[in-house]
Amino acid sequence: MNQSIRMYTTAYCPDCRRAKQFCRMRQLQFEEIDIEGNPEAEEFVKRANHGKRKVPTFDVNGRIFHCSPFDAEKMAQELGVE
């Protein structure tokens, strides 16, 4: 599987921690982008989620989705993993 995963997060977000753990357990490489103190990243997340700061928000090869609240089944389906 050759996909580029960008995960937009905040440090205090429990759903973000679960999503990172999900990816690590499946040995999926991802780039984490903390939107706190990063206005461009925060604006990207808001644009992708109709003005809401939903984290984690993912950019997988240009396909954008959020997983808030965290749902392991949805994550697996979106990323094409078990």
PDB file of N, CA and C in Angstrom:
ATOM      1  N   MET A   1       0.850  -1.173   0.000  1.00  0.00           N
ATOM      2  CA  MET A   1       0.000   0.000   0.000  1.00  0.00           C
ATOM      3  C   MET A   1       0.893   1.232   0.000  1.00  0.00           C
ATOM      4  N   ASN A   2       0.725   2.077  -0.977  1.00  0.00           N
ATOM      5  CA  ASN A   2       1.558   3.260  -1.102  1.00  0.00           C
ATOM      6  C   ASN A   2       0.665   4.489  -1.063  1.00  0.00           C
ATOM      7  N   GLN A   3       0.323   4.905   0.158  1.00  0.00           N
ATOM      8  CA  GLN A   3      -0.507   6.088   0.264  1.00  0.00           C
ATOM      9  C   GLN A   3       0.140   7.090   1.198  1.00  0.00           C
ATOM     10  N   SER A   4      -0.082   8.341   0.893  1.00  0.00           N
ATOM     11  CA  SER A   4       0.435   9.435   1.700  1.00  0.00           C
ATOM     12  C   SER A   4      -0.663   9.836   2.678  1.00  0.00           C
ATOM     13  N   ILE A   5      -0.386   9.699   3.972  1.00  0.00           N
ATOM     14  CA  ILE A   5      -1.384  10.013   4.996  1.00  0.00           C
ATOM     15  C   ILE A   5      -0.910  11.219   5.782  1.00  0.00           C
ATOM     16  N   ARG A   6      -1.711  12.283   5.741  1.00  0.00           N
ATOM     17  CA  ARG A   6      -1.490  13.451   6.590  1.00  0.00           C
ATOM     18  C   ARG A   6      -2.624  13.478   7.603  1.00  0.00           C
ATOM     19  N   MET A   7      -2.266  13.598   8.877  1.00  0.00           N
ATOM     20  CA  MET A   7      -3.268  13.618   9.941  1.00  0.00           C
ATOM     21  C   MET A   7      -3.170  14.973  10.641  1.00  0.00           C
ATOM     22  N   TYR A   8      -4.258  15.739  10.569  1.00  0.00           N
ATOM     23  CA  TYR A   8      -4.334  17.042  11.227  1.00  0.00           C
ATOM     24  C   TYR A   8      -4.920  16.827  12.612  1.00  0.00           C
ATOM     25  N   THR A   9      -4.186  17.264  13.644  1.00  0.00           N
ATOM     26  CA  THR A   9      -4.521  16.929  15.021  1.00  0.00           C
ATOM     27  C   THR A   9      -4.399  18.147  15.942  1.00  0.00           C
ATOM     28  N   THR A  10      -4.785  17.923  17.212  1.00  0.00           N
ATOM     29  CA  THR A  10      -4.419  18.810  18.314  1.00  0.00           C
ATOM     30  C   THR A  10      -3.865  17.920  19.417  1.00  0.00           C
ATOM     31  N   ALA A  11      -3.053  18.488  20.283  1.00  0.00           N
ATOM     32  CA  ALA A  11      -2.403  17.707  21.335  1.00  0.00           C
ATOM     33  C   ALA A  11      -3.399  17.151  22.352  1.00  0.00           C
ATOM     34  N   TYR A  12      -4.493  17.852  22.578  1.00  0.00           N
ATOM     35  CA  TYR A  12      -5.440  17.469  23.632  1.00  0.00           C
ATOM     36  C   TYR A  12      -6.582  16.577  23.148  1.00  0.00           C
ATOM     37  N   CYS A  13      -6.597  16.213  21.891  1.00  0.00           N
ATOM     38  CA  CYS A  13      -7.733  15.507  21.285  1.00  0.00           C
ATOM     39  C   CYS A  13      -7.652  13.989  21.515  1.00  0.00           C
ATOM     40  N   PRO A  14      -8.596  13.415  22.276  1.00  0.00           N
ATOM     41  CA  PRO A  14      -8.574  11.961  22.493  1.00  0.00           C
ATOM     42  C   PRO A  14      -8.823  11.168  21.207  1.00  0.00           C
ATOM     43  N   ASP A  15      -9.643  11.693  20.295  1.00  0.00           N
ATOM     44  CA  ASP A  15      -9.872  11.006  19.020  1.00  0.00           C
ATOM     45  C   ASP A  15      -8.580  10.960  18.196  1.00  0.00           C
ATOM     46  N   CYS A  16      -7.780  12.015  18.284  1.00  0.00           N
ATOM     47  CA  CYS A  16      -6.494  12.047  17.571  1.00  0.00           C
ATOM     48  C   CYS A  16      -5.555  10.986  18.134  1.00  0.00           C
ATOM     49  N   ARG A  17      -5.514  10.857  19.455  1.00  0.00           N
ATOM     50  CA  ARG A  17      -4.649   9.838  20.069  1.00  0.00           C
ATOM     51  C   ARG A  17      -5.073   8.443  19.610  1.00  0.00           C
ATOM     52  N   ARG A  18      -6.376   8.194  19.546  1.00  0.00           N
ATOM     53  CA  ARG A  18      -6.858   6.882  19.106  1.00  0.00           C
ATOM     54  C   ARG A  18      -6.518   6.632  17.637  1.00  0.00           C
ATOM     55  N   ALA A  19      -6.653   7.670  16.812  1.00  0.00           N
ATOM     56  CA  ALA A  19      -6.337   7.526  15.388  1.00  0.00           C
ATOM     57  C   ALA A  19      -4.847   7.249  15.182  1.00  0.00           C
ATOM     58  N   LYS A  20      -3.998   7.934  15.941  1.00  0.00           N
ATOM     59  CA  LYS A  20      -2.552   7.691  15.827  1.00  0.00           C
ATOM     60  C   LYS A  20      -2.220   6.265  16.270  1.00  0.00           C
ATOM     61  N   GLN A  21      -2.826   5.821  17.353  1.00  0.00           N
ATOM     62  CA  GLN A  21      -2.595   4.454  17.829  1.00  0.00           C
ATOM     63  C   GLN A  21      -3.063   3.444  16.779  1.00  0.00           C
ATOM     64  N   PHE A  22      -4.221   3.699  16.176  1.00  0.00           N
ATOM     65  CA  PHE A  22      -4.767   2.842  15.119  1.00  0.00           C
ATOM     66  C   PHE A  22      -3.732   2.690  13.993  1.00  0.00           C
ATOM     67  N   CYS A  23      -3.175   3.804  13.545  1.00  0.00           N
ATOM     68  CA  CYS A  23      -2.204   3.774  12.441  1.00  0.00           C
ATOM     69  C   CYS A  23      -0.914   3.071  12.859  1.00  0.00           C
ATOM     70  N   ARG A  24      -0.443   3.361  14.054  1.00  0.00           N
ATOM     71  CA  ARG A  24       0.811   2.741  14.511  1.00  0.00           C
ATOM     72  C   ARG A  24       0.664   1.228  14.641  1.00  0.00           C
ATOM     73  N   MET A  25      -0.477   0.775  15.158  1.00  0.00           N
ATOM     74  CA  MET A  25      -0.705  -0.664  15.317  1.00  0.00           C
ATOM     75  C   MET A  25      -0.703  -1.377  13.973  1.00  0.00           C
ATOM     76  N   ARG A  26      -1.074  -0.668  12.918  1.00  0.00           N
ATOM     77  CA  ARG A  26      -1.116  -1.249  11.572  1.00  0.00           C
ATOM     78  C   ARG A  26       0.122  -0.875  10.758  1.00  0.00           C
ATOM     79  N   GLN A  27       1.083  -0.276  11.425  1.00  0.00           N
ATOM     80  CA  GLN A  27       2.339   0.137  10.801  1.00  0.00           C
ATOM     81  C   GLN A  27       2.124   1.020   9.580  1.00  0.00           C
ATOM     82  N   LEU A  28       1.151   1.928   9.697  1.00  0.00           N
ATOM     83  CA  LEU A  28       0.883   2.897   8.639  1.00  0.00           C
ATOM     84  C   LEU A  28       1.680   4.158   8.940  1.00  0.00           C
ATOM     85  N   GLN A  29       2.484   4.588   8.004  1.00  0.00           N
ATOM     86  CA  GLN A  29       3.250   5.811   8.178  1.00  0.00           C
ATOM     87  C   GLN A  29       2.326   6.996   7.930  1.00  0.00           C
ATOM     88  N   PHE A  30       2.469   8.024   8.753  1.00  0.00           N
ATOM     89  CA  PHE A  30       1.658   9.221   8.570  1.00  0.00           C
ATOM     90  C   PHE A  30       2.452  10.440   8.995  1.00  0.00           C
ATOM     91  N   GLU A  31       2.052  11.562   8.441  1.00  0.00           N
ATOM     92  CA  GLU A  31       2.618  12.850   8.835  1.00  0.00           C
ATOM     93  C   GLU A  31       1.590  13.520   9.727  1.00  0.00           C
ATOM     94  N   GLU A  32       1.988  13.875  10.938  1.00  0.00           N
ATOM     95  CA  GLU A  32       1.082  14.550  11.866  1.00  0.00           C
ATOM     96  C   GLU A  32       1.290  16.054  11.782  1.00  0.00           C
ATOM     97  N   ILE A  33       0.186  16.781  11.664  1.00  0.00           N
ATOM     98  CA  ILE A  33       0.237  18.234  11.597  1.00  0.00           C
ATOM     99  C   ILE A  33      -0.671  18.773  12.702  1.00  0.00           C
ATOM    100  N   ASP A  34      -0.060  19.362  13.726  1.00  0.00           N
ATOM    101  CA  ASP A  34      -0.810  19.943  14.844  1.00  0.00           C
ATOM    102  C   ASP A  34      -1.333  21.301  14.394  1.00  0.00           C
ATOM    103  N   ILE A  35      -2.639  21.493  14.424  1.00  0.00           N
ATOM    104  CA  ILE A  35      -3.230  22.736  13.923  1.00  0.00           C
ATOM    105  C   ILE A  35      -3.142  23.877  14.938  1.00  0.00           C
ATOM    106  N   GLU A  36      -2.808  23.565  16.185  1.00  0.00           N
ATOM    107  CA  GLU A  36      -2.640  24.628  17.180  1.00  0.00           C
ATOM    108  C   GLU A  36      -1.393  25.433  16.827  1.00  0.00           C
ATOM    109  N   GLY A  37      -1.544  26.737  16.703  1.00  0.00           N
ATOM    110  CA  GLY A  37      -0.399  27.574  16.366  1.00  0.00           C
ATOM    111  C   GLY A  37       0.013  27.469  14.910  1.00  0.00           C
ATOM    112  N   ASN A  38      -0.816  26.828  14.085  1.00  0.00           N
ATOM    113  CA  ASN A  38      -0.533  26.694  12.655  1.00  0.00           C
ATOM    114  C   ASN A  38      -1.775  27.164  11.894  1.00  0.00           C
ATOM    115  N   PRO A  39      -1.894  28.484  11.675  1.00  0.00           N
ATOM    116  CA  PRO A  39      -3.114  29.028  11.066  1.00  0.00           C
ATOM    117  C   PRO A  39      -3.469  28.427   9.714  1.00  0.00           C
ATOM    118  N   GLU A  40      -2.462  28.103   8.903  1.00  0.00           N
ATOM    119  CA  GLU A  40      -2.749  27.525   7.583  1.00  0.00           C
ATOM    120  C   GLU A  40      -3.385  26.147   7.728  1.00  0.00           C
ATOM    121  N   ALA A  41      -2.845  25.339   8.624  1.00  0.00           N
ATOM    122  CA  ALA A  41      -3.394  23.996   8.844  1.00  0.00           C
ATOM    123  C   ALA A  41      -4.789  24.077   9.446  1.00  0.00           C
ATOM    124  N   GLU A  42      -4.978  24.996  10.394  1.00  0.00           N
ATOM    125  CA  GLU A  42      -6.304  25.162  10.993  1.00  0.00           C
ATOM    126  C   GLU A  42      -7.327  25.579   9.934  1.00  0.00           C
ATOM    127  N   GLU A  43      -6.936  26.483   9.056  1.00  0.00           N
ATOM    128  CA  GLU A  43      -7.833  26.936   7.990  1.00  0.00           C
ATOM    129  C   GLU A  43      -8.160  25.789   7.030  1.00  0.00           C
ATOM    130  N   PHE A  44      -7.173  24.952   6.725  1.00  0.00           N
ATOM    131  CA  PHE A  44      -7.400  23.779   5.872  1.00  0.00           C
ATOM    132  C   PHE A  44      -8.475  22.877   6.498  1.00  0.00           C
ATOM    133  N   VAL A  45      -8.330  22.595   7.800  1.00  0.00           N
ATOM    134  CA  VAL A  45      -9.285  21.731   8.502  1.00  0.00           C
ATOM    135  C   VAL A  45     -10.676  22.357   8.477  1.00  0.00           C
ATOM    136  N   LYS A  46     -10.768  23.644   8.713  1.00  0.00           N
ATOM    137  CA  LYS A  46     -12.079  24.323   8.698  1.00  0.00           C
ATOM    138  C   LYS A  46     -12.708  24.270   7.305  1.00  0.00           C
ATOM    139  N   ARG A  47     -11.901  24.521   6.276  1.00  0.00           N
ATOM    140  CA  ARG A  47     -12.437  24.463   4.900  1.00  0.00           C
ATOM    141  C   ARG A  47     -12.937  23.057   4.579  1.00  0.00           C
ATOM    142  N   ALA A  48     -12.202  22.060   5.022  1.00  0.00           N
ATOM    143  CA  ALA A  48     -12.556  20.667   4.725  1.00  0.00           C
ATOM    144  C   ALA A  48     -13.801  20.214   5.479  1.00  0.00           C
ATOM    145  N   ASN A  49     -14.122  20.884   6.591  1.00  0.00           N
ATOM    146  CA  ASN A  49     -15.211  20.434   7.466  1.00  0.00           C
ATOM    147  C   ASN A  49     -16.278  21.501   7.679  1.00  0.00           C
ATOM    148  N   HIS A  50     -16.581  22.253   6.630  1.00  0.00           N
ATOM    149  CA  HIS A  50     -17.675  23.228   6.653  1.00  0.00           C
ATOM    150  C   HIS A  50     -17.558  24.200   7.820  1.00  0.00           C
ATOM    151  N   GLY A  51     -16.344  24.710   8.050  1.00  0.00           N
ATOM    152  CA  GLY A  51     -16.123  25.727   9.069  1.00  0.00           C
ATOM    153  C   GLY A  51     -15.848  25.192  10.461  1.00  0.00           C
ATOM    154  N   LYS A  52     -15.877  23.879  10.632  1.00  0.00           N
ATOM    155  CA  LYS A  52     -15.658  23.283  11.950  1.00  0.00           C
ATOM    156  C   LYS A  52     -14.226  22.769  12.082  1.00  0.00           C
ATOM    157  N   ARG A  53     -13.713  22.849  13.305  1.00  0.00           N
ATOM    158  CA  ARG A  53     -12.356  22.337  13.603  1.00  0.00           C
ATOM    159  C   ARG A  53     -12.468  20.877  14.010  1.00  0.00           C
ATOM    160  N   LYS A  54     -12.762  20.017  13.064  1.00  0.00           N
ATOM    161  CA  LYS A  54     -12.890  18.587  13.361  1.00  0.00           C
ATOM    162  C   LYS A  54     -11.538  17.919  13.216  1.00  0.00           C
ATOM    163  N   VAL A  55     -11.074  17.344  14.324  1.00  0.00           N
ATOM    164  CA  VAL A  55      -9.821  16.599  14.304  1.00  0.00           C
ATOM    165  C   VAL A  55     -10.066  15.229  14.917  1.00  0.00           C
ATOM    166  N   PRO A  56      -9.409  14.201  14.426  1.00  0.00           N
ATOM    167  CA  PRO A  56      -8.443  14.268  13.340  1.00  0.00           C
ATOM    168  C   PRO A  56      -9.130  14.396  11.974  1.00  0.00           C
ATOM    169  N   THR A  57      -8.510  15.206  11.136  1.00  0.00           N
ATOM    170  CA  THR A  57      -8.885  15.295   9.727  1.00  0.00           C
ATOM    171  C   THR A  57      -7.719  14.711   8.938  1.00  0.00           C
ATOM    172  N   PHE A  58      -8.044  13.943   7.923  1.00  0.00           N
ATOM    173  CA  PHE A  58      -7.032  13.245   7.128  1.00  0.00           C
ATOM    174  C   PHE A  58      -7.025  13.731   5.693  1.00  0.00           C
ATOM    175  N   ASP A  59      -5.836  13.745   5.137  1.00  0.00           N
ATOM    176  CA  ASP A  59      -5.629  13.942   3.707  1.00  0.00           C
ATOM    177  C   ASP A  59      -4.857  12.709   3.247  1.00  0.00           C
ATOM    178  N   VAL A  60      -5.552  11.834   2.537  1.00  0.00           N
ATOM    179  CA  VAL A  60      -4.942  10.597   2.050  1.00  0.00           C
ATOM    180  C   VAL A  60      -4.914  10.674   0.530  1.00  0.00           C
ATOM    181  N   ASN A  61      -3.724  10.936   0.004  1.00  0.00           N
ATOM    182  CA  ASN A  61      -3.555  11.076  -1.453  1.00  0.00           C
ATOM    183  C   ASN A  61      -4.555  12.065  -2.043  1.00  0.00           C
ATOM    184  N   GLY A  62      -4.817  13.168  -1.312  1.00  0.00           N
ATOM    185  CA  GLY A  62      -5.724  14.194  -1.813  1.00  0.00           C
ATOM    186  C   GLY A  62      -7.183  13.963  -1.470  1.00  0.00           C
ATOM    187  N   ARG A  63      -7.507  12.856  -0.857  1.00  0.00           N
ATOM    188  CA  ARG A  63      -8.887  12.573  -0.427  1.00  0.00           C
ATOM    189  C   ARG A  63      -9.000  12.981   1.039  1.00  0.00           C
ATOM    190  N   ILE A  64      -9.938  13.891   1.334  1.00  0.00           N
ATOM    191  CA  ILE A  64     -10.052  14.478   2.668  1.00  0.00           C
ATOM    192  C   ILE A  64     -11.253  13.873   3.402  1.00  0.00           C
ATOM    193  N   PHE A  65     -11.025  13.497   4.668  1.00  0.00           N
ATOM    194  CA  PHE A  65     -12.124  13.032   5.524  1.00  0.00           C
ATOM    195  C   PHE A  65     -11.722  13.250   6.971  1.00  0.00           C
ATOM    196  N   HIS A  66     -12.718  13.275   7.855  1.00  0.00           N
ATOM    197  CA  HIS A  66     -12.413  13.386   9.283  1.00  0.00           C
ATOM    198  C   HIS A  66     -12.857  12.102   9.969  1.00  0.00           C
ATOM    199  N   CYS A  67     -12.360  11.894  11.152  1.00  0.00           N
ATOM    200  CA  CYS A  67     -12.753  10.727  11.942  1.00  0.00           C
ATOM    201  C   CYS A  67     -13.011  11.199  13.375  1.00  0.00           C
ATOM    202  N   SER A  68     -13.980  12.090  13.494  1.00  0.00           N
ATOM    203  CA  SER A  68     -14.367  12.662  14.779  1.00  0.00           C
ATOM    204  C   SER A  68     -15.881  12.571  14.893  1.00  0.00           C
ATOM    205  N   PRO A  69     -16.381  11.770  15.819  1.00  0.00           N
ATOM    206  CA  PRO A  69     -15.667  10.969  16.802  1.00  0.00           C
ATOM    207  C   PRO A  69     -14.941   9.787  16.145  1.00  0.00           C
ATOM    208  N   PHE A  70     -13.894   9.307  16.843  1.00  0.00           N
ATOM    209  CA  PHE A  70     -13.091   8.214  16.305  1.00  0.00           C
ATOM    210  C   PHE A  70     -13.953   6.969  16.126  1.00  0.00           C
ATOM    211  N   ASP A  71     -13.771   6.328  14.978  1.00  0.00           N
ATOM    212  CA  ASP A  71     -14.503   5.103  14.647  1.00  0.00           C
ATOM    213  C   ASP A  71     -13.520   4.194  13.903  1.00  0.00           C
ATOM    214  N   ALA A  72     -13.086   3.139  14.600  1.00  0.00           N
ATOM    215  CA  ALA A  72     -12.072   2.246  14.022  1.00  0.00           C
ATOM    216  C   ALA A  72     -12.556   1.616  12.721  1.00  0.00           C
ATOM    217  N   GLU A  73     -13.822   1.257  12.652  1.00  0.00           N
ATOM    218  CA  GLU A  73     -14.365   0.645  11.432  1.00  0.00           C
ATOM    219  C   GLU A  73     -14.295   1.621  10.262  1.00  0.00           C
ATOM    220  N   LYS A  74     -14.683   2.881  10.505  1.00  0.00           N
ATOM    221  CA  LYS A  74     -14.620   3.897   9.449  1.00  0.00           C
ATOM    222  C   LYS A  74     -13.169   4.127   9.024  1.00  0.00           C
ATOM    223  N   MET A  75     -12.250   4.206   9.999  1.00  0.00           N
ATOM    224  CA  MET A  75     -10.838   4.411   9.675  1.00  0.00           C
ATOM    225  C   MET A  75     -10.328   3.273   8.791  1.00  0.00           C
ATOM    226  N   ALA A  76     -10.624   2.049   9.161  1.00  0.00           N
ATOM    227  CA  ALA A  76     -10.165   0.895   8.392  1.00  0.00           C
ATOM    228  C   ALA A  76     -10.696   0.969   6.965  1.00  0.00           C
ATOM    229  N   GLN A  77     -11.975   1.305   6.839  1.00  0.00           N
ATOM    230  CA  GLN A  77     -12.589   1.387   5.508  1.00  0.00           C
ATOM    231  C   GLN A  77     -11.949   2.524   4.695  1.00  0.00           C
ATOM    232  N   GLU A  78     -11.781   3.690   5.308  1.00  0.00           N
ATOM    233  CA  GLU A  78     -11.216   4.840   4.588  1.00  0.00           C
ATOM    234  C   GLU A  78      -9.772   4.578   4.144  1.00  0.00           C
ATOM    235  N   LEU A  79      -9.021   3.834   4.985  1.00  0.00           N
ATOM    236  CA  LEU A  79      -7.608   3.598   4.679  1.00  0.00           C
ATOM    237  C   LEU A  79      -7.368   2.270   3.953  1.00  0.00           C
ATOM    238  N   GLY A  80      -8.431   1.476   3.798  1.00  0.00           N
ATOM    239  CA  GLY A  80      -8.300   0.213   3.084  1.00  0.00           C
ATOM    240  C   GLY A  80      -7.469  -0.815   3.831  1.00  0.00           C
ATOM    241  N   VAL A  81      -7.636  -0.862   5.161  1.00  0.00           N
ATOM    242  CA  VAL A  81      -6.899  -1.813   5.992  1.00  0.00           C
ATOM    243  C   VAL A  81      -7.882  -2.591   6.874  1.00  0.00           C
ATOM    244  N   GLU A  82      -7.355  -3.580   7.575  1.00  0.00           N
ATOM    245  CA  GLU A  82      -8.193  -4.376   8.490  1.00  0.00           C
ATOM    246  C   GLU A  82      -8.109  -3.811   9.885  1.00  0.00           C
TER     247      GLU A  82
END
